[in-house]
Amino acid sequence: MALNGHDGTVIGRNMQRHRHQEFIRFLNAIEAKVPADKVVHVVLDNYAAHKHPKMRAWLDRQAFVSS
């Protein structure tokens, strides 16, 4: 789920699986709905899908700060 803290709108997806592929699909959906001039803050836990090399590469391509 993605929450717009300014106006309370939510972007949500319900997927059968929770792998890195689905998470990247979800992030792409957020990117498509958020204006390009807005900053998106992504908070991730230690879930394995968030650590996958393809996930890290996606974050790097999007100019997100990742650690």
C-alpha atoms as a PDB file:
ATOM      1  CA  MET A   1       0.000   0.000   0.000  1.00  0.00           C
ATOM      2  CA  ALA A   2       1.182   3.514  -0.791  1.00  0.00           C
ATOM      3  CA  LEU A   3      -0.207   6.434   1.173  1.00  0.00           C
ATOM      4  CA  ASN A   4      -0.216  10.045   0.081  1.00  0.00           C
ATOM      5  CA  GLY A   5       0.367  11.785   3.395  1.00  0.00           C
ATOM      6  CA  HIS A   6      -0.828  15.102   2.003  1.00  0.00           C
ATOM      7  CA  ASP A   7      -4.345  14.159   0.897  1.00  0.00           C
ATOM      8  CA  GLY A   8      -4.805  10.638   2.292  1.00  0.00           C
ATOM      9  CA  THR A   9      -5.224   8.868  -1.045  1.00  0.00           C
ATOM     10  CA  VAL A  10      -4.043   5.277  -1.223  1.00  0.00           C
ATOM     11  CA  ILE A  11      -2.581   3.211  -4.052  1.00  0.00           C
ATOM     12  CA  GLY A  12      -3.046  -0.464  -3.301  1.00  0.00           C
ATOM     13  CA  ARG A  13      -2.541  -3.758  -5.043  1.00  0.00           C
ATOM     14  CA  ASN A  14      -3.583  -7.232  -3.999  1.00  0.00           C
ATOM     15  CA  MET A  15      -1.351  -9.884  -5.535  1.00  0.00           C
ATOM     16  CA  GLN A  16      -1.341 -13.618  -4.954  1.00  0.00           C
ATOM     17  CA  ARG A  17       2.409 -13.749  -4.452  1.00  0.00           C
ATOM     18  CA  HIS A  18       4.820 -11.417  -2.708  1.00  0.00           C
ATOM     19  CA  ARG A  19       8.048 -11.815  -4.644  1.00  0.00           C
ATOM     20  CA  HIS A  20      10.358  -9.113  -5.923  1.00  0.00           C
ATOM     21  CA  GLN A  21       8.582  -9.237  -9.313  1.00  0.00           C
ATOM     22  CA  GLU A  22       5.265  -8.266  -7.761  1.00  0.00           C
ATOM     23  CA  PHE A  23       6.867  -5.578  -5.656  1.00  0.00           C
ATOM     24  CA  ILE A  24       8.535  -4.035  -8.710  1.00  0.00           C
ATOM     25  CA  ARG A  25       5.160  -4.123 -10.495  1.00  0.00           C
ATOM     26  CA  PHE A  26       3.647  -2.284  -7.529  1.00  0.00           C
ATOM     27  CA  LEU A  27       6.401   0.351  -7.552  1.00  0.00           C
ATOM     28  CA  ASN A  28       5.883   0.830 -11.287  1.00  0.00           C
ATOM     29  CA  ALA A  29       2.177   1.437 -10.602  1.00  0.00           C
ATOM     30  CA  ILE A  30       3.071   4.069  -8.006  1.00  0.00           C
ATOM     31  CA  GLU A  31       5.506   5.702 -10.405  1.00  0.00           C
ATOM     32  CA  ALA A  32       2.822   5.855 -13.104  1.00  0.00           C
ATOM     33  CA  LYS A  33       0.336   7.584 -10.791  1.00  0.00           C
ATOM     34  CA  VAL A  34       2.619  10.079  -9.056  1.00  0.00           C
ATOM     35  CA  PRO A  35       3.546  13.280 -10.920  1.00  0.00           C
ATOM     36  CA  ALA A  36       7.200  13.393 -11.978  1.00  0.00           C
ATOM     37  CA  ASP A  37       7.876  16.521  -9.904  1.00  0.00           C
ATOM     38  CA  LYS A  38       6.861  14.790  -6.649  1.00  0.00           C
ATOM     39  CA  VAL A  39       9.272  12.966  -4.356  1.00  0.00           C
ATOM     40  CA  VAL A  40       8.365   9.421  -3.301  1.00  0.00           C
ATOM     41  CA  HIS A  41       9.751   8.078  -0.031  1.00  0.00           C
ATOM     42  CA  VAL A  42       9.987   4.283   0.107  1.00  0.00           C
ATOM     43  CA  VAL A  43      10.365   2.590   3.473  1.00  0.00           C
ATOM     44  CA  LEU A  44      11.346  -1.078   3.262  1.00  0.00           C
ATOM     45  CA  ASP A  45      11.723  -3.748   5.892  1.00  0.00           C
ATOM     46  CA  ASN A  46      14.109  -6.693   5.724  1.00  0.00           C
ATOM     47  CA  TYR A  47      11.715  -8.836   3.701  1.00  0.00           C
ATOM     48  CA  ALA A  48      13.703 -10.889   1.162  1.00  0.00           C
ATOM     49  CA  ALA A  49      11.842  -9.439  -1.841  1.00  0.00           C
ATOM     50  CA  HIS A  50      13.173  -5.999  -0.933  1.00  0.00           C
ATOM     51  CA  LYS A  51      16.772  -7.259  -0.920  1.00  0.00           C
ATOM     52  CA  HIS A  52      16.710  -9.106  -4.248  1.00  0.00           C
ATOM     53  CA  PRO A  53      19.368  -7.905  -6.734  1.00  0.00           C
ATOM     54  CA  LYS A  54      16.695  -7.046  -9.324  1.00  0.00           C
ATOM     55  CA  MET A  55      14.887  -4.963  -6.718  1.00  0.00           C
ATOM     56  CA  ARG A  56      18.092  -3.128  -5.796  1.00  0.00           C
ATOM     57  CA  ALA A  57      18.789  -2.503  -9.501  1.00  0.00           C
ATOM     58  CA  TRP A  58      15.267  -1.087  -9.969  1.00  0.00           C
ATOM     59  CA  LEU A  59      15.798   1.291  -7.055  1.00  0.00           C
ATOM     60  CA  ASP A  60      19.162   2.384  -8.461  1.00  0.00           C
ATOM     61  CA  ARG A  61      17.654   3.060 -11.904  1.00  0.00           C
ATOM     62  CA  GLN A  62      14.939   5.184 -10.358  1.00  0.00           C
ATOM     63  CA  ALA A  63      17.482   7.369  -8.542  1.00  0.00           C
ATOM     64  CA  PHE A  64      16.070   6.319  -5.192  1.00  0.00           C
ATOM     65  CA  VAL A  65      18.467   6.456  -2.296  1.00  0.00           C
ATOM     66  CA  SER A  66      18.958   2.916  -1.092  1.00  0.00           C
ATOM     67  CA  SER A  67      21.037   1.542   1.718  1.00  0.00           C
END
